[in-house]
Amino acid sequence: MRRAVTDAPIRLDRLAKSLFGSEQSGTVEALLAANPLLALSLQVDFVVPAGTVLSIPETVETPADRLTRPWE
């Protein structure tokens, strides 16, 4: 797992997109899982403060299909 430090305040979804190329498919959840205390340090509107040290997972597991189909 590599480490990164935010140089400016950034929204969590935008951080995920800059690191993984997408803010979907479990990337935000992967950041939160790799950094258990991150949720406590988030500012208004899910902004990660400048100077926050983050652990960046090497891979992100795509969540399983979460759709509930009415015919199932």
PDB file of N, CA and C in Angstrom:
ATOM      1  N   MET A   1       0.851  -1.166   0.000  1.00  0.00           N
ATOM      2  CA  MET A   1       0.000   0.000   0.000  1.00  0.00           C
ATOM      3  C   MET A   1       0.900   1.234   0.000  1.00  0.00           C
ATOM      4  N   ARG A   2       0.595   2.154  -0.889  1.00  0.00           N
ATOM      5  CA  ARG A   2       1.397   3.373  -0.951  1.00  0.00           C
ATOM      6  C   ARG A   2       0.730   4.473  -0.129  1.00  0.00           C
ATOM      7  N   ARG A   3       1.459   5.546   0.082  1.00  0.00           N
ATOM      8  CA  ARG A   3       0.951   6.674   0.862  1.00  0.00           C
ATOM      9  C   ARG A   3       0.923   7.921   0.001  1.00  0.00           C
ATOM     10  N   ALA A   4       0.007   8.817   0.340  1.00  0.00           N
ATOM     11  CA  ALA A   4      -0.093  10.099  -0.341  1.00  0.00           C
ATOM     12  C   ALA A   4      -0.499  11.147   0.686  1.00  0.00           C
ATOM     13  N   VAL A   5      -0.142  12.394   0.405  1.00  0.00           N
ATOM     14  CA  VAL A   5      -0.513  13.516   1.263  1.00  0.00           C
ATOM     15  C   VAL A   5      -1.257  14.528   0.407  1.00  0.00           C
ATOM     16  N   THR A   6      -2.421  14.951   0.871  1.00  0.00           N
ATOM     17  CA  THR A   6      -3.179  15.948   0.124  1.00  0.00           C
ATOM     18  C   THR A   6      -2.489  17.299   0.260  1.00  0.00           C
ATOM     19  N   ASP A   7      -2.312  17.994  -0.866  1.00  0.00           N
ATOM     20  CA  ASP A   7      -1.638  19.296  -0.816  1.00  0.00           C
ATOM     21  C   ASP A   7      -2.620  20.454  -0.717  1.00  0.00           C
ATOM     22  N   ALA A   8      -3.898  20.169  -0.947  1.00  0.00           N
ATOM     23  CA  ALA A   8      -4.957  21.174  -0.830  1.00  0.00           C
ATOM     24  C   ALA A   8      -6.233  20.442  -0.434  1.00  0.00           C
ATOM     25  N   PRO A   9      -7.185  21.146   0.154  1.00  0.00           N
ATOM     26  CA  PRO A   9      -8.459  20.492   0.456  1.00  0.00           C
ATOM     27  C   PRO A   9      -9.094  19.963  -0.831  1.00  0.00           C
ATOM     28  N   ILE A  10      -9.652  18.755  -0.748  1.00  0.00           N
ATOM     29  CA  ILE A  10     -10.261  18.134  -1.933  1.00  0.00           C
ATOM     30  C   ILE A  10     -11.410  17.244  -1.477  1.00  0.00           C
ATOM     31  N   ARG A  11     -12.487  17.260  -2.261  1.00  0.00           N
ATOM     32  CA  ARG A  11     -13.617  16.384  -1.944  1.00  0.00           C
ATOM     33  C   ARG A  11     -13.193  14.934  -2.119  1.00  0.00           C
ATOM     34  N   LEU A  12     -13.748  14.077  -1.289  1.00  0.00           N
ATOM     35  CA  LEU A  12     -13.363  12.670  -1.285  1.00  0.00           C
ATOM     36  C   LEU A  12     -13.611  11.998  -2.632  1.00  0.00           C
ATOM     37  N   ASP A  13     -14.722  12.296  -3.279  1.00  0.00           N
ATOM     38  CA  ASP A  13     -14.995  11.670  -4.580  1.00  0.00           C
ATOM     39  C   ASP A  13     -14.017  12.148  -5.647  1.00  0.00           C
ATOM     40  N   ARG A  14     -13.636  13.413  -5.605  1.00  0.00           N
ATOM     41  CA  ARG A  14     -12.655  13.923  -6.566  1.00  0.00           C
ATOM     42  C   ARG A  14     -11.273  13.331  -6.313  1.00  0.00           C
ATOM     43  N   LEU A  15     -10.944  13.116  -5.059  1.00  0.00           N
ATOM     44  CA  LEU A  15      -9.675  12.468  -4.720  1.00  0.00           C
ATOM     45  C   LEU A  15      -9.647  11.051  -5.280  1.00  0.00           C
ATOM     46  N   ALA A  16     -10.746  10.323  -5.097  1.00  0.00           N
ATOM     47  CA  ALA A  16     -10.829   8.955  -5.629  1.00  0.00           C
ATOM     48  C   ALA A  16     -10.673   8.966  -7.143  1.00  0.00           C
ATOM     49  N   LYS A  17     -11.309   9.923  -7.800  1.00  0.00           N
ATOM     50  CA  LYS A  17     -11.208   9.996  -9.259  1.00  0.00           C
ATOM     51  C   LYS A  17      -9.785  10.300  -9.697  1.00  0.00           C
ATOM     52  N   SER A  18      -9.093  11.180  -8.975  1.00  0.00           N
ATOM     53  CA  SER A  18      -7.716  11.507  -9.361  1.00  0.00           C
ATOM     54  C   SER A  18      -6.761  10.346  -9.111  1.00  0.00           C
ATOM     55  N   LEU A  19      -7.040   9.530  -8.117  1.00  0.00           N
ATOM     56  CA  LEU A  19      -6.161   8.405  -7.798  1.00  0.00           C
ATOM     57  C   LEU A  19      -6.455   7.158  -8.626  1.00  0.00           C
ATOM     58  N   PHE A  20      -7.749   6.902  -8.869  1.00  0.00           N
ATOM     59  CA  PHE A  20      -8.151   5.647  -9.506  1.00  0.00           C
ATOM     60  C   PHE A  20      -8.782   5.830 -10.881  1.00  0.00           C
ATOM     61  N   GLY A  21      -8.986   7.070 -11.299  1.00  0.00           N
ATOM     62  CA  GLY A  21      -9.602   7.324 -12.590  1.00  0.00           C
ATOM     63  C   GLY A  21     -11.114   7.294 -12.571  1.00  0.00           C
ATOM     64  N   SER A  22     -11.694   7.045 -11.408  1.00  0.00           N
ATOM     65  CA  SER A  22     -13.149   7.004 -11.276  1.00  0.00           C
ATOM     66  C   SER A  22     -13.519   7.215  -9.815  1.00  0.00           C
ATOM     67  N   GLU A  23     -14.684   7.801  -9.605  1.00  0.00           N
ATOM     68  CA  GLU A  23     -15.201   7.936  -8.244  1.00  0.00           C
ATOM     69  C   GLU A  23     -16.282   6.887  -7.989  1.00  0.00           C
ATOM     70  N   GLN A  24     -16.418   5.956  -8.920  1.00  0.00           N
ATOM     71  CA  GLN A  24     -17.429   4.909  -8.814  1.00  0.00           C
ATOM     72  C   GLN A  24     -16.757   3.556  -8.635  1.00  0.00           C
ATOM     73  N   SER A  25     -17.546   2.530  -8.626  1.00  0.00           N
ATOM     74  CA  SER A  25     -17.059   1.143  -8.560  1.00  0.00           C
ATOM     75  C   SER A  25     -16.267   0.838  -7.293  1.00  0.00           C
ATOM     76  N   GLY A  26     -16.647   1.462  -6.188  1.00  0.00           N
ATOM     77  CA  GLY A  26     -16.032   1.142  -4.908  1.00  0.00           C
ATOM     78  C   GLY A  26     -14.753   1.890  -4.574  1.00  0.00           C
ATOM     79  N   THR A  27     -14.368   2.891  -5.377  1.00  0.00           N
ATOM     80  CA  THR A  27     -13.110   3.585  -5.109  1.00  0.00           C
ATOM     81  C   THR A  27     -13.174   4.449  -3.843  1.00  0.00           C
ATOM     82  N   VAL A  28     -14.283   5.139  -3.631  1.00  0.00           N
ATOM     83  CA  VAL A  28     -14.430   5.951  -2.415  1.00  0.00           C
ATOM     84  C   VAL A  28     -14.456   5.040  -1.190  1.00  0.00           C
ATOM     85  N   GLU A  29     -15.191   3.943  -1.297  1.00  0.00           N
ATOM     86  CA  GLU A  29     -15.263   2.978  -0.196  1.00  0.00           C
ATOM     87  C   GLU A  29     -13.894   2.373   0.105  1.00  0.00           C
ATOM     88  N   ALA A  30     -13.094   2.129  -0.938  1.00  0.00           N
ATOM     89  CA  ALA A  30     -11.752   1.570  -0.748  1.00  0.00           C
ATOM     90  C   ALA A  30     -10.860   2.552   0.015  1.00  0.00           C
ATOM     91  N   LEU A  31     -10.974   3.839  -0.308  1.00  0.00           N
ATOM     92  CA  LEU A  31     -10.199   4.844   0.431  1.00  0.00           C
ATOM     93  C   LEU A  31     -10.613   4.889   1.899  1.00  0.00           C
ATOM     94  N   LEU A  32     -11.920   4.843   2.145  1.00  0.00           N
ATOM     95  CA  LEU A  32     -12.399   4.862   3.530  1.00  0.00           C
ATOM     96  C   LEU A  32     -11.978   3.600   4.286  1.00  0.00           C
ATOM     97  N   ALA A  33     -11.998   2.458   3.619  1.00  0.00           N
ATOM     98  CA  ALA A  33     -11.593   1.204   4.267  1.00  0.00           C
ATOM     99  C   ALA A  33     -10.102   1.198   4.582  1.00  0.00           C
ATOM    100  N   ALA A  34      -9.296   1.771   3.705  1.00  0.00           N
ATOM    101  CA  ALA A  34      -7.844   1.798   3.913  1.00  0.00           C
ATOM    102  C   ALA A  34      -7.435   2.849   4.935  1.00  0.00           C
ATOM    103  N   ASN A  35      -8.329   3.800   5.208  1.00  0.00           N
ATOM    104  CA  ASN A  35      -8.048   4.896   6.145  1.00  0.00           C
ATOM    105  C   ASN A  35      -9.209   5.012   7.128  1.00  0.00           C
ATOM    106  N   PRO A  36      -9.247   4.140   8.141  1.00  0.00           N
ATOM    107  CA  PRO A  36     -10.407   4.071   9.032  1.00  0.00           C
ATOM    108  C   PRO A  36     -10.744   5.382   9.737  1.00  0.00           C
ATOM    109  N   LEU A  37      -9.781   6.226  10.006  1.00  0.00           N
ATOM    110  CA  LEU A  37     -10.056   7.483  10.700  1.00  0.00           C
ATOM    111  C   LEU A  37     -10.370   8.639   9.757  1.00  0.00           C
ATOM    112  N   LEU A  38     -10.310   8.386   8.463  1.00  0.00           N
ATOM    113  CA  LEU A  38     -10.544   9.442   7.486  1.00  0.00           C
ATOM    114  C   LEU A  38     -11.930  10.049   7.628  1.00  0.00           C
ATOM    115  N   ALA A  39     -12.933   9.240   7.836  1.00  0.00           N
ATOM    116  CA  ALA A  39     -14.301   9.751   7.950  1.00  0.00           C
ATOM    117  C   ALA A  39     -14.431  10.758   9.092  1.00  0.00           C
ATOM    118  N   LEU A  40     -13.636  10.589  10.141  1.00  0.00           N
ATOM    119  CA  LEU A  40     -13.690  11.518  11.275  1.00  0.00           C
ATOM    120  C   LEU A  40     -13.062  12.866  10.953  1.00  0.00           C
ATOM    121  N   SER A  41     -12.139  12.896   9.995  1.00  0.00           N
ATOM    122  CA  SER A  41     -11.444  14.141   9.686  1.00  0.00           C
ATOM    123  C   SER A  41     -12.064  14.908   8.524  1.00  0.00           C
ATOM    124  N   LEU A  42     -13.085  14.328   7.893  1.00  0.00           N
ATOM    125  CA  LEU A  42     -13.715  15.003   6.759  1.00  0.00           C
ATOM    126  C   LEU A  42     -14.402  16.286   7.218  1.00  0.00           C
ATOM    127  N   GLN A  43     -14.269  17.305   6.400  1.00  0.00           N
ATOM    128  CA  GLN A  43     -14.913  18.573   6.683  1.00  0.00           C
ATOM    129  C   GLN A  43     -16.284  18.589   6.019  1.00  0.00           C
ATOM    130  N   VAL A  44     -16.941  19.723   6.041  1.00  0.00           N
ATOM    131  CA  VAL A  44     -18.254  19.874   5.417  1.00  0.00           C
ATOM    132  C   VAL A  44     -18.173  19.435   3.951  1.00  0.00           C
ATOM    133  N   ASP A  45     -19.205  18.790   3.475  1.00  0.00           N
ATOM    134  CA  ASP A  45     -19.291  18.318   2.087  1.00  0.00           C
ATOM    135  C   ASP A  45     -18.227  17.285   1.741  1.00  0.00           C
ATOM    136  N   PHE A  46     -17.784  16.504   2.711  1.00  0.00           N
ATOM    137  CA  PHE A  46     -16.842  15.406   2.495  1.00  0.00           C
ATOM    138  C   PHE A  46     -15.503  15.879   1.938  1.00  0.00           C
ATOM    139  N   VAL A  47     -15.010  16.997   2.437  1.00  0.00           N
ATOM    140  CA  VAL A  47     -13.729  17.545   2.001  1.00  0.00           C
ATOM    141  C   VAL A  47     -12.613  17.005   2.891  1.00  0.00           C
ATOM    142  N   VAL A  48     -11.587  16.449   2.243  1.00  0.00           N
ATOM    143  CA  VAL A  48     -10.407  15.957   2.948  1.00  0.00           C
ATOM    144  C   VAL A  48      -9.486  17.157   3.153  1.00  0.00           C
ATOM    145  N   PRO A  49      -9.085  17.446   4.402  1.00  0.00           N
ATOM    146  CA  PRO A  49      -8.245  18.615   4.654  1.00  0.00           C
ATOM    147  C   PRO A  49      -6.857  18.498   4.015  1.00  0.00           C
ATOM    148  N   ALA A  50      -6.264  19.631   3.716  1.00  0.00           N
ATOM    149  CA  ALA A  50      -4.889  19.659   3.205  1.00  0.00           C
ATOM    150  C   ALA A  50      -3.959  19.065   4.257  1.00  0.00           C
ATOM    151  N   GLY A  51      -2.949  18.347   3.795  1.00  0.00           N
ATOM    152  CA  GLY A  51      -1.970  17.755   4.701  1.00  0.00           C
ATOM    153  C   GLY A  51      -2.373  16.405   5.267  1.00  0.00           C
ATOM    154  N   THR A  52      -3.499  15.876   4.833  1.00  0.00           N
ATOM    155  CA  THR A  52      -3.946  14.567   5.312  1.00  0.00           C
ATOM    156  C   THR A  52      -3.105  13.473   4.665  1.00  0.00           C
ATOM    157  N   VAL A  53      -2.556  12.589   5.499  1.00  0.00           N
ATOM    158  CA  VAL A  53      -1.769  11.452   5.011  1.00  0.00           C
ATOM    159  C   VAL A  53      -2.724  10.289   4.784  1.00  0.00           C
ATOM    160  N   LEU A  54      -2.701   9.742   3.580  1.00  0.00           N
ATOM    161  CA  LEU A  54      -3.613   8.671   3.204  1.00  0.00           C
ATOM    162  C   LEU A  54      -2.867   7.413   2.794  1.00  0.00           C
ATOM    163  N   SER A  55      -3.419   6.279   3.128  1.00  0.00           N
ATOM    164  CA  SER A  55      -2.962   4.998   2.592  1.00  0.00           C
ATOM    165  C   SER A  55      -3.794   4.734   1.351  1.00  0.00           C
ATOM    166  N   ILE A  56      -3.113   4.438   0.241  1.00  0.00           N
ATOM    167  CA  ILE A  56      -3.786   4.223  -1.033  1.00  0.00           C
ATOM    168  C   ILE A  56      -3.698   2.743  -1.386  1.00  0.00           C
ATOM    169  N   PRO A  57      -4.841   2.046  -1.463  1.00  0.00           N
ATOM    170  CA  PRO A  57      -4.796   0.625  -1.817  1.00  0.00           C
ATOM    171  C   PRO A  57      -4.314   0.437  -3.252  1.00  0.00           C
ATOM    172  N   GLU A  58      -3.580  -0.643  -3.478  1.00  0.00           N
ATOM    173  CA  GLU A  58      -3.063  -0.944  -4.810  1.00  0.00           C
ATOM    174  C   GLU A  58      -4.180  -1.349  -5.765  1.00  0.00           C
ATOM    175  N   THR A  59      -5.166  -2.066  -5.252  1.00  0.00           N
ATOM    176  CA  THR A  59      -6.282  -2.511  -6.079  1.00  0.00           C
ATOM    177  C   THR A  59      -7.591  -2.164  -5.383  1.00  0.00           C
ATOM    178  N   VAL A  60      -8.632  -2.071  -6.180  1.00  0.00           N
ATOM    179  CA  VAL A  60      -9.967  -1.792  -5.655  1.00  0.00           C
ATOM    180  C   VAL A  60     -10.884  -2.898  -6.133  1.00  0.00           C
ATOM    181  N   GLU A  61     -11.570  -3.522  -5.185  1.00  0.00           N
ATOM    182  CA  GLU A  61     -12.512  -4.570  -5.543  1.00  0.00           C
ATOM    183  C   GLU A  61     -13.816  -3.919  -5.982  1.00  0.00           C
ATOM    184  N   THR A  62     -14.277  -4.295  -7.140  1.00  0.00           N
ATOM    185  CA  THR A  62     -15.548  -3.782  -7.633  1.00  0.00           C
ATOM    186  C   THR A  62     -16.670  -4.468  -6.869  1.00  0.00           C
ATOM    187  N   PRO A  63     -17.589  -3.672  -6.312  1.00  0.00           N
ATOM    188  CA  PRO A  63     -18.681  -4.293  -5.561  1.00  0.00           C
ATOM    189  C   PRO A  63     -19.565  -5.148  -6.468  1.00  0.00           C
ATOM    190  N   ALA A  64     -20.155  -6.148  -5.884  1.00  0.00           N
ATOM    191  CA  ALA A  64     -21.060  -7.022  -6.639  1.00  0.00           C
ATOM    192  C   ALA A  64     -22.291  -6.235  -7.069  1.00  0.00           C
ATOM    193  N   ASP A  65     -22.965  -6.760  -8.028  1.00  0.00           N
ATOM    194  CA  ASP A  65     -24.189  -6.135  -8.524  1.00  0.00           C
ATOM    195  C   ASP A  65     -25.166  -5.968  -7.363  1.00  0.00           C
ATOM    196  N   ARG A  66     -25.513  -4.724  -7.056  1.00  0.00           N
ATOM    197  CA  ARG A  66     -26.390  -4.452  -5.926  1.00  0.00           C
ATOM    198  C   ARG A  66     -27.823  -4.154  -6.350  1.00  0.00           C
ATOM    199  N   LEU A  67     -28.124  -4.341  -7.595  1.00  0.00           N
ATOM    200  CA  LEU A  67     -29.465  -4.065  -8.071  1.00  0.00           C
ATOM    201  C   LEU A  67     -30.445  -5.113  -7.567  1.00  0.00           C
ATOM    202  N   THR A  68     -31.594  -4.656  -7.180  1.00  0.00           N
ATOM    203  CA  THR A  68     -32.663  -5.567  -6.824  1.00  0.00           C
ATOM    204  C   THR A  68     -33.664  -5.532  -7.960  1.00  0.00           C
ATOM    205  N   ARG A  69     -33.798  -6.646  -8.598  1.00  0.00           N
ATOM    206  CA  ARG A  69     -34.727  -6.733  -9.717  1.00  0.00           C
ATOM    207  C   ARG A  69     -36.082  -7.183  -9.207  1.00  0.00           C
ATOM    208  N   PRO A  70     -37.141  -6.526  -9.646  1.00  0.00           N
ATOM    209  CA  PRO A  70     -38.462  -6.853  -9.118  1.00  0.00           C
ATOM    210  C   PRO A  70     -38.899  -8.283  -9.397  1.00  0.00           C
ATOM    211  N   TRP A  71     -38.335  -8.932 -10.389  1.00  0.00           N
ATOM    212  CA  TRP A  71     -38.732 -10.292 -10.732  1.00  0.00           C
ATOM    213  C   TRP A  71     -37.948 -11.345  -9.958  1.00  0.00           C
ATOM    214  N   GLU A  72     -37.014 -10.903  -9.130  1.00  0.00           N
ATOM    215  CA  GLU A  72     -36.234 -11.889  -8.344  1.00  0.00           C
ATOM    216  C   GLU A  72     -36.859 -12.118  -6.988  1.00  0.00           C
TER     217      GLU A  72
END
